[in-house]
Amino acid sequence: MAARPHELLRLLTRAERLSVRRVQSVLDEFDCSIEAWRVLDLLSDGRGHNMSAIADGVFLPMSSLTKIVDQLVDQNLVYRRIDPADRRRVLAQLTPRGLQRRQQMNRQICAVLVDLGHLLTQDGGEQLHTLLARLADALDDPDAAVTTGRTERTVGQER
């Protein structure tokens, strides 16, 4: 872990912003936002997902996601269908054109990020993935104790 907790946060933020900047440089060629690409990437598993699952998976509020999915539908990259298991729900899925576009973008993104290969070797990449997943799980755990670093005092207790 970094020497200080705020240093870890700074490093995580810097790495995320710099990686997004590189990915966005590719996505600009496709007139695609990072958020839309995340939706396309999530939907690339071919299973179809409801809007709540997509919002959770791409870390977007429902209102923003709805606008993005509407745009992707207008571009014939995504379509909506009734969930056969629950006819009250709608599932989003990639169209064949959407799958092809996502594959094109993914190839170019991998090419842009190839220079990170020496940092993310098989072992290093897996280790980084494991550590980041553990960190995210710990931060997402509702039962995890959140402390402010202050000790509680009873009324009238001296410092």
N, C-alpha and C. Protein backbone atom coordinates (compact mmCIF):
# COMPACT_ATOMS: atom_id res chain seq x y z
N MET A 1 0.84 -1.18 0.00
CA MET A 1 0.00 0.00 0.00
C MET A 1 0.88 1.24 0.00
N ALA A 2 0.38 2.30 -0.56
CA ALA A 2 1.12 3.55 -0.59
C ALA A 2 1.41 4.00 0.83
N ALA A 3 2.41 4.85 0.95
CA ALA A 3 2.82 5.32 2.27
C ALA A 3 1.67 5.96 3.04
N ARG A 4 0.81 6.67 2.35
CA ARG A 4 -0.33 7.32 2.99
C ARG A 4 -1.58 6.97 2.22
N PRO A 5 -2.71 6.80 2.92
CA PRO A 5 -3.96 6.44 2.22
C PRO A 5 -4.34 7.42 1.11
N HIS A 6 -4.16 8.72 1.34
CA HIS A 6 -4.53 9.67 0.30
C HIS A 6 -3.63 9.53 -0.93
N GLU A 7 -2.41 9.04 -0.75
CA GLU A 7 -1.52 8.80 -1.88
C GLU A 7 -2.05 7.67 -2.75
N LEU A 8 -2.60 6.63 -2.13
CA LEU A 8 -3.21 5.54 -2.88
C LEU A 8 -4.38 6.07 -3.71
N LEU A 9 -5.22 6.88 -3.12
CA LEU A 9 -6.35 7.46 -3.84
C LEU A 9 -5.86 8.31 -5.01
N ARG A 10 -4.83 9.09 -4.80
CA ARG A 10 -4.27 9.91 -5.87
C ARG A 10 -3.74 9.05 -7.01
N LEU A 11 -3.03 7.98 -6.67
CA LEU A 11 -2.48 7.09 -7.70
C LEU A 11 -3.58 6.38 -8.48
N LEU A 12 -4.60 5.92 -7.78
CA LEU A 12 -5.73 5.26 -8.45
C LEU A 12 -6.43 6.23 -9.39
N THR A 13 -6.66 7.44 -8.93
CA THR A 13 -7.33 8.45 -9.75
C THR A 13 -6.48 8.79 -10.98
N ARG A 14 -5.19 8.97 -10.77
CA ARG A 14 -4.30 9.30 -11.88
C ARG A 14 -4.28 8.18 -12.92
N ALA A 15 -4.14 6.94 -12.46
CA ALA A 15 -4.11 5.80 -13.38
C ALA A 15 -5.42 5.69 -14.16
N GLU A 16 -6.54 5.89 -13.49
CA GLU A 16 -7.84 5.79 -14.15
C GLU A 16 -7.99 6.89 -15.20
N ARG A 17 -7.64 8.10 -14.85
CA ARG A 17 -7.81 9.23 -15.78
C ARG A 17 -6.88 9.11 -16.98
N LEU A 18 -5.65 8.68 -16.74
CA LEU A 18 -4.72 8.54 -17.86
C LEU A 18 -5.13 7.38 -18.78
N SER A 19 -5.60 6.29 -18.21
CA SER A 19 -6.04 5.17 -19.05
C SER A 19 -7.30 5.54 -19.84
N VAL A 20 -8.21 6.27 -19.21
CA VAL A 20 -9.41 6.72 -19.93
C VAL A 20 -9.02 7.66 -21.06
N ARG A 21 -8.05 8.53 -20.83
CA ARG A 21 -7.60 9.45 -21.88
C ARG A 21 -7.09 8.66 -23.09
N ARG A 22 -6.32 7.62 -22.85
CA ARG A 22 -5.80 6.81 -23.97
C ARG A 22 -6.93 6.10 -24.70
N VAL A 23 -7.83 5.51 -23.94
CA VAL A 23 -8.96 4.80 -24.56
C VAL A 23 -9.84 5.78 -25.32
N GLN A 24 -10.09 6.96 -24.75
CA GLN A 24 -10.95 7.93 -25.42
C GLN A 24 -10.35 8.40 -26.74
N SER A 25 -9.01 8.42 -26.84
CA SER A 25 -8.38 8.81 -28.10
C SER A 25 -8.77 7.84 -29.23
N VAL A 26 -8.95 6.58 -28.90
CA VAL A 26 -9.42 5.60 -29.89
C VAL A 26 -10.91 5.78 -30.14
N LEU A 27 -11.67 5.94 -29.07
CA LEU A 27 -13.12 6.04 -29.19
C LEU A 27 -13.55 7.27 -29.99
N ASP A 28 -12.74 8.33 -29.95
CA ASP A 28 -13.05 9.54 -30.72
C ASP A 28 -13.16 9.24 -32.21
N GLU A 29 -12.35 8.29 -32.69
CA GLU A 29 -12.39 7.89 -34.10
C GLU A 29 -13.73 7.25 -34.46
N PHE A 30 -14.41 6.69 -33.47
CA PHE A 30 -15.69 6.03 -33.67
C PHE A 30 -16.86 6.90 -33.21
N ASP A 31 -16.54 8.14 -32.81
CA ASP A 31 -17.55 9.06 -32.28
C ASP A 31 -18.33 8.39 -31.14
N CYS A 32 -17.57 7.85 -30.18
CA CYS A 32 -18.15 7.08 -29.07
C CYS A 32 -17.56 7.59 -27.76
N SER A 33 -18.41 7.75 -26.77
CA SER A 33 -17.94 8.16 -25.44
C SER A 33 -17.46 6.94 -24.67
N ILE A 34 -16.69 7.18 -23.63
CA ILE A 34 -16.22 6.09 -22.78
C ILE A 34 -17.39 5.38 -22.12
N GLU A 35 -18.43 6.13 -21.76
CA GLU A 35 -19.60 5.53 -21.12
C GLU A 35 -20.33 4.61 -22.10
N ALA A 36 -20.49 5.07 -23.35
CA ALA A 36 -21.16 4.23 -24.36
C ALA A 36 -20.34 2.98 -24.63
N TRP A 37 -19.01 3.13 -24.69
CA TRP A 37 -18.15 1.96 -24.91
C TRP A 37 -18.31 0.97 -23.76
N ARG A 38 -18.40 1.46 -22.54
CA ARG A 38 -18.58 0.56 -21.40
C ARG A 38 -19.89 -0.21 -21.52
N VAL A 39 -20.94 0.46 -22.02
CA VAL A 39 -22.22 -0.23 -22.22
C VAL A 39 -22.06 -1.29 -23.30
N LEU A 40 -21.44 -0.94 -24.42
CA LEU A 40 -21.23 -1.91 -25.49
C LEU A 40 -20.39 -3.08 -25.01
N ASP A 41 -19.36 -2.78 -24.23
CA ASP A 41 -18.49 -3.83 -23.71
C ASP A 41 -19.25 -4.78 -22.79
N LEU A 42 -20.07 -4.21 -21.92
CA LEU A 42 -20.85 -5.05 -21.00
C LEU A 42 -21.84 -5.92 -21.76
N LEU A 43 -22.45 -5.36 -22.80
CA LEU A 43 -23.44 -6.11 -23.57
C LEU A 43 -22.81 -7.13 -24.52
N SER A 44 -21.50 -7.09 -24.68
CA SER A 44 -20.84 -7.97 -25.65
C SER A 44 -20.87 -9.44 -25.24
N ASP A 45 -21.34 -9.74 -24.03
CA ASP A 45 -21.43 -11.15 -23.63
C ASP A 45 -22.61 -11.87 -24.29
N GLY A 46 -23.49 -11.09 -24.94
CA GLY A 46 -24.58 -11.68 -25.70
C GLY A 46 -25.77 -12.16 -24.89
N ARG A 47 -25.76 -11.97 -23.58
CA ARG A 47 -26.84 -12.49 -22.75
C ARG A 47 -28.03 -11.55 -22.66
N GLY A 48 -27.83 -10.27 -22.90
CA GLY A 48 -28.91 -9.30 -22.71
C GLY A 48 -28.99 -8.94 -21.24
N HIS A 49 -29.09 -7.66 -20.95
CA HIS A 49 -29.11 -7.19 -19.57
C HIS A 49 -30.21 -6.17 -19.40
N ASN A 50 -30.83 -6.16 -18.22
CA ASN A 50 -31.82 -5.13 -17.93
C ASN A 50 -31.09 -3.85 -17.57
N MET A 51 -31.83 -2.76 -17.58
CA MET A 51 -31.21 -1.45 -17.39
C MET A 51 -30.57 -1.31 -16.02
N SER A 52 -31.16 -1.87 -15.00
CA SER A 52 -30.57 -1.78 -13.66
C SER A 52 -29.22 -2.47 -13.61
N ALA A 53 -29.13 -3.65 -14.23
CA ALA A 53 -27.87 -4.38 -14.24
C ALA A 53 -26.81 -3.62 -15.04
N ILE A 54 -27.22 -2.99 -16.13
CA ILE A 54 -26.27 -2.22 -16.92
C ILE A 54 -25.79 -1.01 -16.12
N ALA A 55 -26.72 -0.31 -15.49
CA ALA A 55 -26.34 0.87 -14.69
C ALA A 55 -25.34 0.49 -13.60
N ASP A 56 -25.58 -0.63 -12.93
CA ASP A 56 -24.65 -1.09 -11.90
C ASP A 56 -23.30 -1.47 -12.50
N GLY A 57 -23.33 -2.11 -13.66
CA GLY A 57 -22.10 -2.59 -14.28
C GLY A 57 -21.22 -1.51 -14.88
N VAL A 58 -21.82 -0.39 -15.27
CA VAL A 58 -21.04 0.68 -15.89
C VAL A 58 -20.97 1.93 -15.02
N PHE A 59 -21.51 1.82 -13.81
CA PHE A 59 -21.40 2.89 -12.82
C PHE A 59 -22.01 4.22 -13.29
N LEU A 60 -23.23 4.13 -13.83
CA LEU A 60 -23.93 5.32 -14.29
C LEU A 60 -25.30 5.41 -13.63
N PRO A 61 -25.76 6.63 -13.39
CA PRO A 61 -27.14 6.78 -12.92
C PRO A 61 -28.10 6.40 -14.04
N MET A 62 -29.28 5.96 -13.66
CA MET A 62 -30.26 5.46 -14.63
C MET A 62 -30.58 6.51 -15.70
N SER A 63 -30.71 7.78 -15.32
CA SER A 63 -31.06 8.81 -16.30
C SER A 63 -29.99 8.95 -17.38
N SER A 64 -28.73 8.92 -16.99
CA SER A 64 -27.64 9.01 -17.97
C SER A 64 -27.60 7.76 -18.84
N LEU A 65 -27.80 6.61 -18.22
CA LEU A 65 -27.78 5.36 -18.98
C LEU A 65 -28.89 5.33 -20.02
N THR A 66 -30.07 5.77 -19.65
CA THR A 66 -31.19 5.77 -20.60
C THR A 66 -30.86 6.59 -21.84
N LYS A 67 -30.25 7.76 -21.65
CA LYS A 67 -29.87 8.60 -22.79
C LYS A 67 -28.84 7.90 -23.66
N ILE A 68 -27.88 7.26 -23.04
CA ILE A 68 -26.84 6.56 -23.80
C ILE A 68 -27.42 5.39 -24.58
N VAL A 69 -28.26 4.60 -23.93
CA VAL A 69 -28.87 3.45 -24.62
C VAL A 69 -29.77 3.94 -25.75
N ASP A 70 -30.52 5.01 -25.54
CA ASP A 70 -31.34 5.59 -26.62
C ASP A 70 -30.48 5.95 -27.82
N GLN A 71 -29.32 6.57 -27.58
CA GLN A 71 -28.41 6.93 -28.67
C GLN A 71 -27.88 5.69 -29.37
N LEU A 72 -27.53 4.65 -28.59
CA LEU A 72 -27.01 3.42 -29.18
C LEU A 72 -28.08 2.70 -30.00
N VAL A 73 -29.33 2.78 -29.55
CA VAL A 73 -30.44 2.22 -30.32
C VAL A 73 -30.60 3.00 -31.63
N ASP A 74 -30.55 4.34 -31.56
CA ASP A 74 -30.66 5.17 -32.76
C ASP A 74 -29.55 4.87 -33.77
N GLN A 75 -28.38 4.47 -33.28
CA GLN A 75 -27.24 4.15 -34.15
C GLN A 75 -27.27 2.69 -34.61
N ASN A 76 -28.30 1.97 -34.23
CA ASN A 76 -28.44 0.55 -34.58
C ASN A 76 -27.29 -0.29 -34.03
N LEU A 77 -26.82 0.05 -32.83
CA LEU A 77 -25.78 -0.73 -32.16
C LEU A 77 -26.37 -1.59 -31.06
N VAL A 78 -27.52 -1.19 -30.54
CA VAL A 78 -28.20 -1.90 -29.44
C VAL A 78 -29.68 -1.98 -29.78
N TYR A 79 -30.30 -3.06 -29.35
CA TYR A 79 -31.76 -3.15 -29.45
C TYR A 79 -32.32 -3.59 -28.10
N ARG A 80 -33.58 -3.27 -27.91
CA ARG A 80 -34.28 -3.66 -26.69
C ARG A 80 -35.27 -4.76 -27.04
N ARG A 81 -35.43 -5.69 -26.09
CA ARG A 81 -36.43 -6.75 -26.26
C ARG A 81 -37.04 -7.07 -24.91
N ILE A 82 -38.20 -7.65 -24.94
CA ILE A 82 -38.88 -8.06 -23.72
C ILE A 82 -38.14 -9.26 -23.12
N ASP A 83 -37.96 -9.23 -21.82
CA ASP A 83 -37.32 -10.34 -21.11
C ASP A 83 -38.29 -11.52 -21.10
N PRO A 84 -37.94 -12.66 -21.70
CA PRO A 84 -38.86 -13.80 -21.73
C PRO A 84 -39.16 -14.35 -20.33
N ALA A 85 -38.26 -14.15 -19.39
CA ALA A 85 -38.48 -14.65 -18.03
C ALA A 85 -39.40 -13.74 -17.22
N ASP A 86 -39.43 -12.46 -17.56
CA ASP A 86 -40.27 -11.49 -16.85
C ASP A 86 -40.69 -10.44 -17.86
N ARG A 87 -41.88 -10.58 -18.39
CA ARG A 87 -42.34 -9.73 -19.48
C ARG A 87 -42.47 -8.25 -19.09
N ARG A 88 -42.33 -7.94 -17.83
CA ARG A 88 -42.37 -6.54 -17.40
C ARG A 88 -41.03 -5.85 -17.60
N ARG A 89 -39.98 -6.62 -17.78
CA ARG A 89 -38.64 -6.06 -17.93
C ARG A 89 -38.21 -6.03 -19.39
N VAL A 90 -37.33 -5.10 -19.68
CA VAL A 90 -36.76 -4.97 -21.02
C VAL A 90 -35.27 -5.26 -20.92
N LEU A 91 -34.78 -6.03 -21.86
CA LEU A 91 -33.36 -6.35 -21.93
C LEU A 91 -32.73 -5.60 -23.10
N ALA A 92 -31.51 -5.17 -22.92
CA ALA A 92 -30.74 -4.55 -24.00
C ALA A 92 -29.72 -5.56 -24.48
N GLN A 93 -29.53 -5.58 -25.80
CA GLN A 93 -28.55 -6.48 -26.41
C GLN A 93 -27.89 -5.79 -27.58
N LEU A 94 -26.70 -6.25 -27.92
CA LEU A 94 -26.02 -5.69 -29.09
C LEU A 94 -26.65 -6.22 -30.36
N THR A 95 -26.74 -5.36 -31.35
CA THR A 95 -27.10 -5.79 -32.70
C THR A 95 -25.83 -6.38 -33.32
N PRO A 96 -25.96 -7.08 -34.44
CA PRO A 96 -24.73 -7.55 -35.11
C PRO A 96 -23.79 -6.39 -35.43
N ARG A 97 -24.36 -5.25 -35.83
CA ARG A 97 -23.54 -4.07 -36.11
C ARG A 97 -22.86 -3.58 -34.83
N GLY A 98 -23.57 -3.63 -33.71
CA GLY A 98 -23.00 -3.22 -32.43
C GLY A 98 -21.86 -4.13 -32.00
N LEU A 99 -22.03 -5.43 -32.21
CA LEU A 99 -20.97 -6.38 -31.87
C LEU A 99 -19.74 -6.14 -32.74
N GLN A 100 -19.96 -5.90 -34.03
CA GLN A 100 -18.84 -5.63 -34.93
C GLN A 100 -18.13 -4.33 -34.53
N ARG A 101 -18.88 -3.29 -34.22
CA ARG A 101 -18.28 -2.00 -33.82
C ARG A 101 -17.48 -2.18 -32.54
N ARG A 102 -18.04 -2.90 -31.57
CA ARG A 102 -17.34 -3.12 -30.30
C ARG A 102 -16.03 -3.88 -30.54
N GLN A 103 -16.05 -4.87 -31.43
CA GLN A 103 -14.83 -5.63 -31.73
C GLN A 103 -13.78 -4.75 -32.40
N GLN A 104 -14.21 -3.86 -33.31
CA GLN A 104 -13.28 -2.94 -33.96
C GLN A 104 -12.64 -2.02 -32.92
N MET A 105 -13.47 -1.46 -32.05
CA MET A 105 -12.96 -0.56 -31.02
C MET A 105 -12.01 -1.30 -30.10
N ASN A 106 -12.38 -2.51 -29.71
CA ASN A 106 -11.57 -3.29 -28.78
C ASN A 106 -10.19 -3.59 -29.35
N ARG A 107 -10.13 -3.94 -30.64
CA ARG A 107 -8.83 -4.20 -31.28
C ARG A 107 -7.94 -2.96 -31.22
N GLN A 108 -8.51 -1.81 -31.53
CA GLN A 108 -7.72 -0.58 -31.53
C GLN A 108 -7.33 -0.16 -30.11
N ILE A 109 -8.22 -0.37 -29.16
CA ILE A 109 -7.90 -0.06 -27.76
C ILE A 109 -6.73 -0.93 -27.29
N CYS A 110 -6.78 -2.21 -27.61
CA CYS A 110 -5.69 -3.11 -27.23
C CYS A 110 -4.38 -2.67 -27.87
N ALA A 111 -4.43 -2.21 -29.11
CA ALA A 111 -3.22 -1.75 -29.79
C ALA A 111 -2.65 -0.51 -29.11
N VAL A 112 -3.51 0.39 -28.66
CA VAL A 112 -3.05 1.60 -27.99
C VAL A 112 -2.46 1.28 -26.62
N LEU A 113 -3.01 0.29 -25.96
CA LEU A 113 -2.56 -0.07 -24.62
C LEU A 113 -1.45 -1.11 -24.62
N VAL A 114 -1.00 -1.56 -25.79
CA VAL A 114 0.00 -2.61 -25.87
C VAL A 114 1.30 -2.19 -25.19
N ASP A 115 1.61 -0.91 -25.17
CA ASP A 115 2.85 -0.47 -24.54
C ASP A 115 2.82 -0.66 -23.03
N LEU A 116 1.68 -0.97 -22.46
CA LEU A 116 1.60 -1.29 -21.04
C LEU A 116 1.91 -2.76 -20.78
N GLY A 117 2.11 -3.51 -21.84
CA GLY A 117 2.34 -4.95 -21.72
C GLY A 117 3.49 -5.32 -20.81
N HIS A 118 4.55 -4.55 -20.85
CA HIS A 118 5.70 -4.87 -19.99
C HIS A 118 5.35 -4.69 -18.51
N LEU A 119 4.41 -3.81 -18.21
CA LEU A 119 3.98 -3.62 -16.82
C LEU A 119 2.95 -4.66 -16.39
N LEU A 120 2.16 -5.07 -17.35
CA LEU A 120 1.07 -5.98 -17.04
C LEU A 120 1.32 -7.35 -17.68
N THR A 121 2.46 -7.93 -17.33
CA THR A 121 2.75 -9.28 -17.79
C THR A 121 1.69 -10.21 -17.23
N GLN A 122 1.72 -11.45 -17.63
CA GLN A 122 0.71 -12.40 -17.18
C GLN A 122 0.58 -12.38 -15.65
N ASP A 123 1.68 -12.56 -14.94
CA ASP A 123 1.63 -12.57 -13.48
C ASP A 123 1.28 -11.21 -12.90
N GLY A 124 1.94 -10.17 -13.41
CA GLY A 124 1.69 -8.82 -12.90
C GLY A 124 0.27 -8.36 -13.16
N GLY A 125 -0.26 -8.65 -14.35
CA GLY A 125 -1.63 -8.28 -14.68
C GLY A 125 -2.64 -8.99 -13.81
N GLU A 126 -2.41 -10.27 -13.58
CA GLU A 126 -3.32 -11.03 -12.71
C GLU A 126 -3.24 -10.52 -11.27
N GLN A 127 -2.03 -10.23 -10.82
CA GLN A 127 -1.86 -9.73 -9.45
C GLN A 127 -2.54 -8.36 -9.29
N LEU A 128 -2.35 -7.47 -10.26
CA LEU A 128 -3.00 -6.16 -10.20
C LEU A 128 -4.52 -6.32 -10.21
N HIS A 129 -5.03 -7.18 -11.08
CA HIS A 129 -6.47 -7.44 -11.16
C HIS A 129 -6.99 -7.95 -9.82
N THR A 130 -6.28 -8.89 -9.22
CA THR A 130 -6.69 -9.45 -7.93
C THR A 130 -6.69 -8.39 -6.84
N LEU A 131 -5.65 -7.59 -6.79
CA LEU A 131 -5.56 -6.55 -5.76
C LEU A 131 -6.64 -5.49 -5.93
N LEU A 132 -6.88 -5.06 -7.17
CA LEU A 132 -7.92 -4.05 -7.40
C LEU A 132 -9.31 -4.62 -7.11
N ALA A 133 -9.53 -5.88 -7.46
CA ALA A 133 -10.83 -6.50 -7.15
C ALA A 133 -11.03 -6.60 -5.65
N ARG A 134 -9.99 -6.97 -4.92
CA ARG A 134 -10.09 -7.04 -3.46
C ARG A 134 -10.36 -5.68 -2.85
N LEU A 135 -9.68 -4.66 -3.36
CA LEU A 135 -9.89 -3.30 -2.87
C LEU A 135 -11.33 -2.85 -3.14
N ALA A 136 -11.80 -3.07 -4.38
CA ALA A 136 -13.17 -2.67 -4.73
C ALA A 136 -14.20 -3.42 -3.88
N ASP A 137 -13.98 -4.71 -3.67
CA ASP A 137 -14.91 -5.49 -2.84
C ASP A 137 -14.92 -4.98 -1.41
N ALA A 138 -13.75 -4.66 -0.88
CA ALA A 138 -13.68 -4.15 0.50
C ALA A 138 -14.38 -2.80 0.61
N LEU A 139 -14.20 -1.94 -0.38
CA LEU A 139 -14.83 -0.63 -0.34
C LEU A 139 -16.34 -0.72 -0.57
N ASP A 140 -16.77 -1.74 -1.28
CA ASP A 140 -18.19 -1.91 -1.59
C ASP A 140 -18.95 -2.67 -0.50
N ASP A 141 -18.23 -3.25 0.44
CA ASP A 141 -18.85 -4.06 1.49
C ASP A 141 -19.65 -3.18 2.45
N PRO A 142 -20.99 -3.34 2.49
CA PRO A 142 -21.79 -2.50 3.39
C PRO A 142 -21.54 -2.81 4.86
N ASP A 143 -20.99 -3.96 5.14
CA ASP A 143 -20.73 -4.34 6.53
C ASP A 143 -19.35 -3.88 7.01
N ALA A 144 -18.55 -3.36 6.08
CA ALA A 144 -17.21 -2.91 6.46
C ALA A 144 -17.33 -1.68 7.34
N ALA A 145 -16.51 -1.65 8.34
CA ALA A 145 -16.54 -0.52 9.26
C ALA A 145 -15.96 0.71 8.57
N VAL A 146 -16.68 1.80 8.66
CA VAL A 146 -16.19 3.06 8.13
C VAL A 146 -15.87 3.93 9.33
N THR A 147 -14.63 4.32 9.41
CA THR A 147 -14.22 5.15 10.55
C THR A 147 -13.76 6.49 10.03
N THR A 148 -13.87 7.46 10.89
CA THR A 148 -13.43 8.81 10.52
C THR A 148 -12.06 9.10 11.08
N GLY A 149 -11.52 8.17 11.83
CA GLY A 149 -10.22 8.40 12.44
C GLY A 149 -10.34 9.13 13.78
N ARG A 150 -11.54 9.47 14.15
CA ARG A 150 -11.75 10.15 15.43
C ARG A 150 -12.27 9.13 16.42
N THR A 151 -11.91 9.29 17.64
CA THR A 151 -12.44 8.41 18.66
C THR A 151 -13.69 9.05 19.24
N GLU A 152 -14.64 8.23 19.54
CA GLU A 152 -15.88 8.76 20.11
C GLU A 152 -15.65 9.15 21.55
N ARG A 153 -16.27 10.22 21.94
CA ARG A 153 -16.17 10.69 23.32
C ARG A 153 -17.55 10.89 23.88
N THR A 154 -17.68 10.65 25.14
CA THR A 154 -18.96 10.92 25.77
C THR A 154 -19.02 12.39 26.13
N VAL A 155 -20.21 12.89 26.29
CA VAL A 155 -20.39 14.31 26.63
C VAL A 155 -19.66 14.62 27.91
N GLY A 156 -18.91 15.69 27.89
CA GLY A 156 -18.20 16.13 29.09
C GLY A 156 -16.83 15.50 29.24
N GLN A 157 -16.48 14.55 28.39
CA GLN A 157 -15.17 13.89 28.51
C GLN A 157 -14.09 14.83 28.02
N GLU A 158 -13.01 14.90 28.75
CA GLU A 158 -11.91 15.78 28.39
C GLU A 158 -11.07 15.15 27.28
N ARG A 159 -10.38 16.00 26.58
CA ARG A 159 -9.49 15.54 25.49
C ARG A 159 -8.21 15.06 26.01
